[in-house]
Amino acid sequence: MEWQSIFKHFALYGVLISWVFGSWLVWRTRHIDVRTTSELAVTSKKDYFIFATGISLAGIFLALCTYGYMRYNLTVPELYYYLYAFALTMQIITAWVPELPGKKHLIHWYSSWLLAHFMLPLGALLLVEGNYTDRTAQVSGVFQIFGVAILVIMVITETWGLHGEKSNKQVIRAQQVYAVLFQILILARIYV
């Protein structure tokens, strides 16, 4: 067993941490009617710090998997790692700069917007074979079809959640589904 294989399961740990902390926040704030997950997080200092810690831990675990396992064992294009570093930076900023009035709101809004919009190209890069010199392809046709379906659902979810008259709960659910679909795509690329 190579040393990189210890990092393989860190993606699963990161996703589970994200789901646990996200579910905890939704359960704690289920009676609060706000439009975004970020607004849910700032309803109290306790909720904010616990959610920010969870999102940061999830990002760290996913980064350990990305740079400790994926970089050495999967044939993902090199561009993925640069975009992922940028998206991880945006995730940490989004987690620790609360959505409060003033400059903090703008910083939080732009970082979360960039993070959300970087998930689609990152997901698309997961579907591409990065090592064209090797005859043994790691990306199967079945995974590519599954991945394209996930990306299409992500686009539909993002478009549906942002446009039209939606209740606050519907917008929050659309944000959560979008993030979970991206996480499922990462797990599928690693384990399939």
N, C-alpha and C. Protein backbone atom coordinates (compact mmCIF):
# COMPACT_ATOMS: atom_id res chain seq x y z
N MET A 1 0.85 -1.18 0.00
CA MET A 1 0.00 0.00 0.00
C MET A 1 0.89 1.24 0.00
N GLU A 2 0.67 2.09 -0.98
CA GLU A 2 1.46 3.31 -1.08
C GLU A 2 1.03 4.32 -0.04
N TRP A 3 1.92 5.25 0.28
CA TRP A 3 1.61 6.23 1.32
C TRP A 3 0.44 7.12 0.94
N GLN A 4 0.21 7.33 -0.37
CA GLN A 4 -0.89 8.20 -0.77
C GLN A 4 -2.26 7.60 -0.49
N SER A 5 -2.32 6.28 -0.41
CA SER A 5 -3.63 5.64 -0.23
C SER A 5 -4.27 5.97 1.12
N ILE A 6 -3.47 6.42 2.09
CA ILE A 6 -4.08 6.80 3.37
C ILE A 6 -4.95 8.05 3.22
N PHE A 7 -4.70 8.83 2.17
CA PHE A 7 -5.47 10.05 1.95
C PHE A 7 -6.76 9.80 1.16
N LYS A 8 -6.93 8.61 0.62
CA LYS A 8 -8.08 8.32 -0.24
C LYS A 8 -9.40 8.56 0.48
N HIS A 9 -9.50 8.09 1.69
CA HIS A 9 -10.77 8.16 2.40
C HIS A 9 -11.03 9.52 3.04
N PHE A 10 -10.07 10.43 2.96
CA PHE A 10 -10.28 11.76 3.53
C PHE A 10 -11.41 12.50 2.83
N ALA A 11 -11.64 12.21 1.55
CA ALA A 11 -12.76 12.84 0.84
C ALA A 11 -14.08 12.40 1.48
N LEU A 12 -14.19 11.12 1.77
CA LEU A 12 -15.40 10.62 2.42
C LEU A 12 -15.59 11.26 3.79
N TYR A 13 -14.51 11.38 4.55
CA TYR A 13 -14.60 12.02 5.86
C TYR A 13 -15.03 13.48 5.72
N GLY A 14 -14.46 14.17 4.76
CA GLY A 14 -14.82 15.58 4.54
C GLY A 14 -16.27 15.75 4.15
N VAL A 15 -16.76 14.89 3.27
CA VAL A 15 -18.16 14.97 2.86
C VAL A 15 -19.08 14.66 4.03
N LEU A 16 -18.75 13.64 4.80
CA LEU A 16 -19.58 13.30 5.96
C LEU A 16 -19.58 14.43 6.99
N ILE A 17 -18.43 15.04 7.22
CA ILE A 17 -18.37 16.19 8.15
C ILE A 17 -19.25 17.32 7.63
N SER A 18 -19.17 17.59 6.35
CA SER A 18 -19.99 18.64 5.74
C SER A 18 -21.47 18.34 5.92
N TRP A 19 -21.87 17.11 5.67
CA TRP A 19 -23.28 16.74 5.80
C TRP A 19 -23.75 16.81 7.25
N VAL A 20 -22.91 16.36 8.18
CA VAL A 20 -23.29 16.40 9.60
C VAL A 20 -23.46 17.84 10.08
N PHE A 21 -22.49 18.68 9.80
CA PHE A 21 -22.57 20.07 10.26
C PHE A 21 -23.66 20.84 9.53
N GLY A 22 -23.85 20.57 8.24
CA GLY A 22 -24.93 21.21 7.50
C GLY A 22 -26.30 20.79 8.01
N SER A 23 -26.46 19.49 8.26
CA SER A 23 -27.73 18.99 8.81
C SER A 23 -27.98 19.56 10.20
N TRP A 24 -26.93 19.66 10.98
CA TRP A 24 -27.07 20.23 12.32
C TRP A 24 -27.57 21.66 12.23
N LEU A 25 -26.99 22.45 11.33
CA LEU A 25 -27.42 23.85 11.18
C LEU A 25 -28.87 23.93 10.72
N VAL A 26 -29.24 23.12 9.75
CA VAL A 26 -30.62 23.14 9.25
C VAL A 26 -31.58 22.73 10.36
N TRP A 27 -31.23 21.72 11.14
CA TRP A 27 -32.11 21.28 12.22
C TRP A 27 -32.23 22.35 13.29
N ARG A 28 -31.11 22.97 13.67
CA ARG A 28 -31.13 24.00 14.72
C ARG A 28 -31.93 25.23 14.30
N THR A 29 -31.93 25.54 13.04
CA THR A 29 -32.55 26.77 12.56
C THR A 29 -33.79 26.49 11.71
N ARG A 30 -34.43 25.36 11.91
CA ARG A 30 -35.54 24.95 11.06
C ARG A 30 -36.74 25.88 11.13
N HIS A 31 -36.88 26.66 12.19
CA HIS A 31 -38.03 27.56 12.33
C HIS A 31 -37.70 28.98 11.90
N ILE A 32 -36.50 29.21 11.43
CA ILE A 32 -36.09 30.55 11.00
C ILE A 32 -36.28 30.65 9.49
N ASP A 33 -36.90 31.73 9.06
CA ASP A 33 -37.22 31.90 7.64
C ASP A 33 -36.29 32.94 7.01
N VAL A 34 -35.15 32.47 6.50
CA VAL A 34 -34.21 33.33 5.79
C VAL A 34 -33.94 32.71 4.42
N ARG A 35 -33.28 33.45 3.54
CA ARG A 35 -33.16 33.04 2.15
C ARG A 35 -31.92 32.20 1.83
N THR A 36 -30.86 32.28 2.60
CA THR A 36 -29.64 31.55 2.25
C THR A 36 -29.10 30.78 3.45
N THR A 37 -28.26 29.80 3.16
CA THR A 37 -27.60 29.04 4.21
C THR A 37 -26.70 29.95 5.04
N SER A 38 -26.08 30.92 4.40
CA SER A 38 -25.22 31.87 5.12
C SER A 38 -26.02 32.67 6.14
N GLU A 39 -27.23 33.06 5.78
CA GLU A 39 -28.08 33.79 6.73
C GLU A 39 -28.50 32.90 7.88
N LEU A 40 -28.69 31.60 7.61
CA LEU A 40 -28.99 30.67 8.71
C LEU A 40 -27.82 30.60 9.68
N ALA A 41 -26.62 30.60 9.13
CA ALA A 41 -25.43 30.44 9.97
C ALA A 41 -25.22 31.61 10.92
N VAL A 42 -25.64 32.81 10.55
CA VAL A 42 -25.38 33.97 11.41
C VAL A 42 -26.54 34.29 12.34
N THR A 43 -27.45 33.34 12.53
CA THR A 43 -28.56 33.59 13.45
C THR A 43 -28.10 33.64 14.90
N SER A 44 -27.00 32.96 15.21
CA SER A 44 -26.40 33.07 16.54
C SER A 44 -24.91 32.80 16.41
N LYS A 45 -24.13 33.30 17.38
CA LYS A 45 -22.68 33.10 17.33
C LYS A 45 -22.33 31.62 17.42
N LYS A 46 -23.07 30.89 18.26
CA LYS A 46 -22.80 29.46 18.41
C LYS A 46 -23.00 28.74 17.08
N ASP A 47 -24.14 28.99 16.43
CA ASP A 47 -24.40 28.36 15.13
C ASP A 47 -23.32 28.72 14.12
N TYR A 48 -22.95 29.98 14.11
CA TYR A 48 -21.96 30.45 13.14
C TYR A 48 -20.61 29.76 13.34
N PHE A 49 -20.11 29.72 14.56
CA PHE A 49 -18.79 29.13 14.80
C PHE A 49 -18.79 27.62 14.57
N ILE A 50 -19.86 26.96 14.96
CA ILE A 50 -19.91 25.51 14.73
C ILE A 50 -19.98 25.21 13.24
N PHE A 51 -20.81 25.94 12.50
CA PHE A 51 -20.92 25.71 11.06
C PHE A 51 -19.62 26.07 10.34
N ALA A 52 -19.01 27.19 10.70
CA ALA A 52 -17.74 27.60 10.07
C ALA A 52 -16.65 26.58 10.34
N THR A 53 -16.61 26.04 11.55
CA THR A 53 -15.63 25.01 11.89
C THR A 53 -15.87 23.75 11.05
N GLY A 54 -17.13 23.35 10.94
CA GLY A 54 -17.45 22.16 10.15
C GLY A 54 -17.11 22.31 8.69
N ILE A 55 -17.45 23.45 8.10
CA ILE A 55 -17.15 23.69 6.70
C ILE A 55 -15.64 23.76 6.47
N SER A 56 -14.92 24.35 7.41
CA SER A 56 -13.46 24.42 7.29
C SER A 56 -12.83 23.03 7.39
N LEU A 57 -13.29 22.23 8.35
CA LEU A 57 -12.78 20.86 8.48
C LEU A 57 -13.07 20.05 7.23
N ALA A 58 -14.27 20.18 6.71
CA ALA A 58 -14.63 19.46 5.48
C ALA A 58 -13.70 19.87 4.34
N GLY A 59 -13.45 21.16 4.21
CA GLY A 59 -12.55 21.64 3.16
C GLY A 59 -11.14 21.12 3.33
N ILE A 60 -10.66 21.07 4.57
CA ILE A 60 -9.31 20.57 4.84
C ILE A 60 -9.21 19.09 4.48
N PHE A 61 -10.20 18.30 4.87
CA PHE A 61 -10.18 16.87 4.55
C PHE A 61 -10.24 16.65 3.04
N LEU A 62 -11.09 17.41 2.35
CA LEU A 62 -11.16 17.27 0.89
C LEU A 62 -9.84 17.69 0.23
N ALA A 63 -9.20 18.72 0.78
CA ALA A 63 -7.90 19.15 0.23
C ALA A 63 -6.84 18.08 0.46
N LEU A 64 -6.84 17.45 1.64
CA LEU A 64 -5.88 16.38 1.90
C LEU A 64 -6.06 15.24 0.91
N CYS A 65 -7.31 14.90 0.61
CA CYS A 65 -7.56 13.85 -0.38
C CYS A 65 -7.12 14.31 -1.77
N THR A 66 -7.45 15.55 -2.11
CA THR A 66 -7.12 16.05 -3.44
C THR A 66 -5.62 16.08 -3.68
N TYR A 67 -4.89 16.65 -2.73
CA TYR A 67 -3.45 16.82 -2.94
C TYR A 67 -2.62 15.64 -2.43
N GLY A 68 -3.19 14.79 -1.59
CA GLY A 68 -2.45 13.64 -1.10
C GLY A 68 -2.74 12.37 -1.86
N TYR A 69 -3.96 12.23 -2.40
CA TYR A 69 -4.32 11.00 -3.10
C TYR A 69 -4.60 11.24 -4.59
N MET A 70 -5.55 12.14 -4.88
CA MET A 70 -5.96 12.33 -6.27
C MET A 70 -4.80 12.75 -7.18
N ARG A 71 -3.97 13.62 -6.69
CA ARG A 71 -2.86 14.14 -7.51
C ARG A 71 -1.91 13.03 -7.96
N TYR A 72 -1.76 11.99 -7.16
CA TYR A 72 -0.81 10.93 -7.47
C TYR A 72 -1.45 9.68 -8.07
N ASN A 73 -2.74 9.48 -7.84
CA ASN A 73 -3.36 8.23 -8.25
C ASN A 73 -4.46 8.36 -9.29
N LEU A 74 -4.96 9.54 -9.54
CA LEU A 74 -6.00 9.73 -10.55
C LEU A 74 -5.46 10.59 -11.68
N THR A 75 -5.99 10.40 -12.85
CA THR A 75 -5.51 11.14 -14.01
C THR A 75 -6.42 12.34 -14.28
N VAL A 76 -6.53 13.20 -13.29
CA VAL A 76 -7.31 14.43 -13.43
C VAL A 76 -6.40 15.48 -14.05
N PRO A 77 -6.92 16.31 -14.98
CA PRO A 77 -6.07 17.35 -15.58
C PRO A 77 -5.47 18.28 -14.53
N GLU A 78 -4.28 18.78 -14.82
CA GLU A 78 -3.54 19.63 -13.89
C GLU A 78 -4.32 20.89 -13.51
N LEU A 79 -5.11 21.41 -14.43
CA LEU A 79 -5.90 22.62 -14.17
C LEU A 79 -6.83 22.43 -12.97
N TYR A 80 -7.30 21.20 -12.77
CA TYR A 80 -8.20 20.91 -11.65
C TYR A 80 -7.59 21.34 -10.32
N TYR A 81 -6.32 21.06 -10.14
CA TYR A 81 -5.68 21.33 -8.85
C TYR A 81 -5.53 22.83 -8.58
N TYR A 82 -5.30 23.61 -9.62
CA TYR A 82 -5.22 25.06 -9.46
C TYR A 82 -6.60 25.65 -9.16
N LEU A 83 -7.60 25.20 -9.90
CA LEU A 83 -8.97 25.68 -9.65
C LEU A 83 -9.46 25.25 -8.27
N TYR A 84 -9.08 24.02 -7.88
CA TYR A 84 -9.51 23.54 -6.58
C TYR A 84 -8.88 24.36 -5.45
N ALA A 85 -7.63 24.75 -5.59
CA ALA A 85 -6.98 25.58 -4.58
C ALA A 85 -7.71 26.92 -4.45
N PHE A 86 -8.11 27.49 -5.56
CA PHE A 86 -8.87 28.74 -5.53
C PHE A 86 -10.23 28.53 -4.86
N ALA A 87 -10.93 27.46 -5.24
CA ALA A 87 -12.24 27.18 -4.65
C ALA A 87 -12.12 26.91 -3.15
N LEU A 88 -11.08 26.22 -2.72
CA LEU A 88 -10.87 25.96 -1.30
C LEU A 88 -10.64 27.27 -0.55
N THR A 89 -9.87 28.17 -1.14
CA THR A 89 -9.67 29.49 -0.53
C THR A 89 -10.99 30.22 -0.38
N MET A 90 -11.83 30.16 -1.41
CA MET A 90 -13.14 30.81 -1.34
C MET A 90 -14.02 30.16 -0.27
N GLN A 91 -13.90 28.83 -0.11
CA GLN A 91 -14.69 28.14 0.92
C GLN A 91 -14.28 28.59 2.32
N ILE A 92 -12.99 28.72 2.56
CA ILE A 92 -12.51 29.16 3.87
C ILE A 92 -12.95 30.60 4.13
N ILE A 93 -12.85 31.46 3.12
CA ILE A 93 -13.30 32.84 3.28
C ILE A 93 -14.80 32.88 3.56
N THR A 94 -15.57 32.10 2.80
CA THR A 94 -17.01 32.05 3.00
C THR A 94 -17.35 31.58 4.41
N ALA A 95 -16.59 30.61 4.91
CA ALA A 95 -16.87 30.06 6.24
C ALA A 95 -16.57 31.07 7.34
N TRP A 96 -15.49 31.81 7.22
CA TRP A 96 -15.04 32.63 8.34
C TRP A 96 -15.34 34.12 8.23
N VAL A 97 -15.87 34.56 7.11
CA VAL A 97 -16.33 35.95 6.99
C VAL A 97 -17.85 35.90 6.97
N PRO A 98 -18.50 36.23 8.07
CA PRO A 98 -19.95 36.07 8.15
C PRO A 98 -20.68 37.06 7.24
N GLU A 99 -21.88 36.67 6.87
CA GLU A 99 -22.70 37.54 6.04
C GLU A 99 -23.38 38.57 6.94
N LEU A 100 -22.65 39.61 7.25
CA LEU A 100 -23.14 40.71 8.07
C LEU A 100 -23.09 41.99 7.24
N PRO A 101 -23.81 43.02 7.63
CA PRO A 101 -23.84 44.25 6.83
C PRO A 101 -22.45 44.86 6.64
N GLY A 102 -22.30 45.56 5.51
CA GLY A 102 -21.05 46.26 5.24
C GLY A 102 -20.12 45.47 4.34
N LYS A 103 -18.82 45.68 4.53
CA LYS A 103 -17.82 45.02 3.69
C LYS A 103 -17.81 43.51 3.87
N LYS A 104 -18.13 43.05 5.08
CA LYS A 104 -18.17 41.60 5.31
C LYS A 104 -19.21 40.94 4.41
N HIS A 105 -20.33 41.61 4.21
CA HIS A 105 -21.37 41.06 3.33
C HIS A 105 -20.83 40.90 1.91
N LEU A 106 -20.15 41.92 1.41
CA LEU A 106 -19.61 41.86 0.05
C LEU A 106 -18.54 40.78 -0.09
N ILE A 107 -17.64 40.71 0.88
CA ILE A 107 -16.59 39.68 0.84
C ILE A 107 -17.22 38.30 0.87
N HIS A 108 -18.17 38.09 1.77
CA HIS A 108 -18.83 36.79 1.88
C HIS A 108 -19.59 36.47 0.60
N TRP A 109 -20.32 37.44 0.08
CA TRP A 109 -21.15 37.20 -1.10
C TRP A 109 -20.29 36.84 -2.30
N TYR A 110 -19.23 37.60 -2.56
CA TYR A 110 -18.39 37.32 -3.72
C TYR A 110 -17.65 35.99 -3.58
N SER A 111 -17.17 35.68 -2.39
CA SER A 111 -16.46 34.41 -2.22
C SER A 111 -17.41 33.22 -2.37
N SER A 112 -18.62 33.32 -1.82
CA SER A 112 -19.56 32.21 -1.98
C SER A 112 -20.04 32.09 -3.42
N TRP A 113 -20.20 33.23 -4.11
CA TRP A 113 -20.61 33.21 -5.51
C TRP A 113 -19.53 32.54 -6.36
N LEU A 114 -18.27 32.92 -6.14
CA LEU A 114 -17.17 32.31 -6.90
C LEU A 114 -17.06 30.82 -6.59
N LEU A 115 -17.20 30.45 -5.33
CA LEU A 115 -17.14 29.04 -4.95
C LEU A 115 -18.22 28.25 -5.68
N ALA A 116 -19.45 28.75 -5.65
CA ALA A 116 -20.56 28.05 -6.29
C ALA A 116 -20.34 27.92 -7.80
N HIS A 117 -19.82 28.95 -8.42
CA HIS A 117 -19.63 28.90 -9.86
C HIS A 117 -18.37 28.14 -10.27
N PHE A 118 -17.47 27.89 -9.37
CA PHE A 118 -16.30 27.07 -9.68
C PHE A 118 -16.61 25.59 -9.54
N MET A 119 -17.71 25.24 -8.89
CA MET A 119 -18.05 23.82 -8.74
C MET A 119 -18.36 23.17 -10.09
N LEU A 120 -18.98 23.90 -11.01
CA LEU A 120 -19.29 23.31 -12.31
C LEU A 120 -18.05 22.98 -13.13
N PRO A 121 -17.11 23.92 -13.32
CA PRO A 121 -15.91 23.52 -14.07
C PRO A 121 -15.07 22.46 -13.35
N LEU A 122 -15.05 22.51 -12.03
CA LEU A 122 -14.33 21.46 -11.29
C LEU A 122 -14.98 20.10 -11.53
N GLY A 123 -16.30 20.07 -11.49
CA GLY A 123 -17.02 18.83 -11.77
C GLY A 123 -16.77 18.34 -13.18
N ALA A 124 -16.74 19.26 -14.14
CA ALA A 124 -16.48 18.87 -15.53
C ALA A 124 -15.06 18.32 -15.69
N LEU A 125 -14.10 18.91 -14.99
CA LEU A 125 -12.72 18.41 -15.08
C LEU A 125 -12.57 17.02 -14.47
N LEU A 126 -13.44 16.67 -13.53
CA LEU A 126 -13.39 15.32 -12.97
C LEU A 126 -13.78 14.27 -14.00
N LEU A 127 -14.51 14.67 -15.03
CA LEU A 127 -14.97 13.72 -16.05
C LEU A 127 -13.95 13.50 -17.16
N VAL A 128 -12.87 14.28 -17.16
CA VAL A 128 -11.89 14.25 -18.25
C VAL A 128 -10.71 13.38 -17.84
N GLU A 129 -10.23 12.64 -18.79
CA GLU A 129 -9.02 11.84 -18.59
C GLU A 129 -7.82 12.75 -18.77
N GLY A 130 -6.98 12.87 -17.77
CA GLY A 130 -5.86 13.79 -17.84
C GLY A 130 -4.58 13.18 -18.39
N ASN A 131 -4.48 11.85 -18.41
CA ASN A 131 -3.25 11.19 -18.85
C ASN A 131 -3.52 10.52 -20.20
N TYR A 132 -3.19 11.20 -21.27
CA TYR A 132 -3.49 10.66 -22.60
C TYR A 132 -2.41 9.73 -23.12
N THR A 133 -1.26 9.66 -22.48
CA THR A 133 -0.19 8.79 -22.96
C THR A 133 -0.38 7.35 -22.52
N ASP A 134 -1.09 7.14 -21.44
CA ASP A 134 -1.31 5.80 -20.93
C ASP A 134 -2.54 5.20 -21.61
N ARG A 135 -2.44 3.95 -22.02
CA ARG A 135 -3.56 3.29 -22.71
C ARG A 135 -4.66 2.83 -21.75
N THR A 136 -4.40 2.80 -20.47
CA THR A 136 -5.41 2.35 -19.51
C THR A 136 -6.15 3.56 -18.95
N ALA A 137 -7.32 3.81 -19.47
CA ALA A 137 -8.11 4.96 -19.04
C ALA A 137 -8.76 4.67 -17.69
N GLN A 138 -8.75 5.67 -16.81
CA GLN A 138 -9.39 5.52 -15.51
C GLN A 138 -10.84 5.97 -15.52
N VAL A 139 -11.21 6.81 -16.47
CA VAL A 139 -12.56 7.35 -16.51
C VAL A 139 -13.39 6.49 -17.45
N SER A 140 -14.35 5.77 -16.89
CA SER A 140 -15.18 4.89 -17.72
C SER A 140 -16.31 5.69 -18.36
N GLY A 141 -16.86 5.13 -19.40
CA GLY A 141 -18.00 5.76 -20.07
C GLY A 141 -19.20 5.87 -19.15
N VAL A 142 -19.41 4.87 -18.31
CA VAL A 142 -20.53 4.89 -17.37
C VAL A 142 -20.37 6.06 -16.39
N PHE A 143 -19.15 6.25 -15.88
CA PHE A 143 -18.92 7.37 -14.97
C PHE A 143 -19.13 8.70 -15.67
N GLN A 144 -18.69 8.80 -16.93
CA GLN A 144 -18.87 10.05 -17.65
C GLN A 144 -20.35 10.37 -17.86
N ILE A 145 -21.14 9.36 -18.17
CA ILE A 145 -22.59 9.57 -18.32
C ILE A 145 -23.19 9.99 -16.99
N PHE A 146 -22.82 9.30 -15.91
CA PHE A 146 -23.28 9.66 -14.57
C PHE A 146 -22.86 11.08 -14.22
N GLY A 147 -21.61 11.42 -14.50
CA GLY A 147 -21.09 12.75 -14.20
C GLY A 147 -21.79 13.85 -14.98
N VAL A 148 -22.04 13.61 -16.25
CA VAL A 148 -22.76 14.61 -17.06
C VAL A 148 -24.17 14.79 -16.51
N ALA A 149 -24.82 13.69 -16.13
CA ALA A 149 -26.16 13.79 -15.54
C ALA A 149 -26.12 14.62 -14.25
N ILE A 150 -25.12 14.40 -13.41
CA ILE A 150 -24.98 15.18 -12.17
C ILE A 150 -24.77 16.65 -12.50
N LEU A 151 -23.91 16.96 -13.47
CA LEU A 151 -23.67 18.35 -13.85
C LEU A 151 -24.93 19.02 -14.40
N VAL A 152 -25.70 18.29 -15.19
CA VAL A 152 -26.96 18.84 -15.71
C VAL A 152 -27.93 19.12 -14.57
N ILE A 153 -28.02 18.21 -13.62
CA ILE A 153 -28.90 18.43 -12.46
C ILE A 153 -28.40 19.61 -11.65
N MET A 154 -27.08 19.78 -11.53
CA MET A 154 -26.54 20.94 -10.81
C MET A 154 -26.94 22.24 -11.50
N VAL A 155 -26.84 22.28 -12.83
CA VAL A 155 -27.22 23.48 -13.58
C VAL A 155 -28.70 23.77 -13.41
N ILE A 156 -29.52 22.73 -13.50
CA ILE A 156 -30.97 22.90 -13.32
C ILE A 156 -31.27 23.39 -11.91
N THR A 157 -30.62 22.80 -10.92
CA THR A 157 -30.84 23.20 -9.53
C THR A 157 -30.43 24.65 -9.31
N GLU A 158 -29.28 25.03 -9.84
CA GLU A 158 -28.82 26.41 -9.66
C GLU A 158 -29.75 27.39 -10.37
N THR A 159 -30.15 27.06 -11.59
CA THR A 159 -31.04 27.94 -12.35
C THR A 159 -32.40 28.04 -11.67
N TRP A 160 -32.94 26.92 -11.25
CA TRP A 160 -34.25 26.91 -10.60
C TRP A 160 -34.20 27.68 -9.28
N GLY A 161 -33.13 27.49 -8.51
CA GLY A 161 -33.03 28.13 -7.21
C GLY A 161 -32.83 29.63 -7.27
N LEU A 162 -32.25 30.12 -8.36
CA LEU A 162 -31.95 31.55 -8.45
C LEU A 162 -33.03 32.37 -9.14
N HIS A 163 -33.87 31.75 -9.92
CA HIS A 163 -34.82 32.51 -10.72
C HIS A 163 -36.26 32.20 -10.33
N GLY A 164 -37.10 33.19 -10.45
CA GLY A 164 -38.51 33.01 -10.16
C GLY A 164 -38.83 33.23 -8.69
N GLU A 165 -40.09 33.14 -8.40
CA GLU A 165 -40.56 33.32 -7.03
C GLU A 165 -40.45 32.00 -6.27
N LYS A 166 -39.50 31.94 -5.40
CA LYS A 166 -39.29 30.75 -4.57
C LYS A 166 -39.37 31.14 -3.11
N SER A 167 -39.83 30.21 -2.30
CA SER A 167 -39.82 30.47 -0.86
C SER A 167 -38.38 30.39 -0.38
N ASN A 168 -38.14 30.94 0.78
CA ASN A 168 -36.79 30.91 1.34
C ASN A 168 -36.29 29.49 1.54
N LYS A 169 -37.16 28.60 2.00
CA LYS A 169 -36.77 27.21 2.22
C LYS A 169 -36.38 26.53 0.90
N GLN A 170 -37.09 26.85 -0.18
CA GLN A 170 -36.76 26.26 -1.48
C GLN A 170 -35.39 26.72 -1.96
N VAL A 171 -35.05 27.96 -1.74
CA VAL A 171 -33.74 28.48 -2.15
C VAL A 171 -32.64 27.80 -1.34
N ILE A 172 -32.86 27.66 -0.04
CA ILE A 172 -31.86 26.99 0.81
C ILE A 172 -31.69 25.53 0.39
N ARG A 173 -32.78 24.84 0.12
CA ARG A 173 -32.68 23.44 -0.32
C ARG A 173 -31.94 23.34 -1.66
N ALA A 174 -32.18 24.28 -2.56
CA ALA A 174 -31.47 24.27 -3.85
C ALA A 174 -29.97 24.44 -3.63
N GLN A 175 -29.57 25.33 -2.72
CA GLN A 175 -28.15 25.51 -2.41
C GLN A 175 -27.55 24.22 -1.85
N GLN A 176 -28.28 23.57 -0.97
CA GLN A 176 -27.78 22.36 -0.35
C GLN A 176 -27.68 21.21 -1.35
N VAL A 177 -28.68 21.06 -2.20
CA VAL A 177 -28.65 20.01 -3.22
C VAL A 177 -27.47 20.22 -4.17
N TYR A 178 -27.24 21.46 -4.55
CA TYR A 178 -26.13 21.81 -5.45
C TYR A 178 -24.79 21.37 -4.85
N ALA A 179 -24.56 21.68 -3.59
CA ALA A 179 -23.30 21.31 -2.93
C ALA A 179 -23.19 19.80 -2.76
N VAL A 180 -24.27 19.14 -2.39
CA VAL A 180 -24.25 17.68 -2.19
C VAL A 180 -23.98 16.96 -3.51
N LEU A 181 -24.56 17.43 -4.60
CA LEU A 181 -24.32 16.81 -5.90
C LEU A 181 -22.84 16.90 -6.28
N PHE A 182 -22.23 18.04 -6.02
CA PHE A 182 -20.80 18.19 -6.31
C PHE A 182 -19.98 17.22 -5.45
N GLN A 183 -20.34 17.07 -4.20
CA GLN A 183 -19.62 16.15 -3.32
C GLN A 183 -19.79 14.70 -3.78
N ILE A 184 -20.98 14.35 -4.24
CA ILE A 184 -21.22 13.00 -4.75
C ILE A 184 -20.36 12.75 -5.99
N LEU A 185 -20.21 13.77 -6.82
CA LEU A 185 -19.38 13.64 -8.02
C LEU A 185 -17.91 13.38 -7.64
N ILE A 186 -17.42 14.08 -6.63
CA ILE A 186 -16.04 13.85 -6.16
C ILE A 186 -15.89 12.43 -5.63
N LEU A 187 -16.84 11.99 -4.81
CA LEU A 187 -16.75 10.64 -4.25
C LEU A 187 -16.83 9.58 -5.35
N ALA A 188 -17.70 9.81 -6.33
CA ALA A 188 -17.81 8.84 -7.43
C ALA A 188 -16.51 8.75 -8.22
N ARG A 189 -15.86 9.86 -8.44
CA ARG A 189 -14.58 9.86 -9.19
C ARG A 189 -13.49 9.11 -8.43
N ILE A 190 -13.52 9.22 -7.12
CA ILE A 190 -12.49 8.56 -6.31
C ILE A 190 -12.76 7.07 -6.16
N TYR A 191 -14.02 6.70 -5.94
CA TYR A 191 -14.33 5.31 -5.59
C TYR A 191 -14.80 4.45 -6.76
N VAL A 192 -15.12 5.07 -7.90
CA VAL A 192 -15.62 4.26 -9.03
C VAL A 192 -14.49 3.95 -9.97
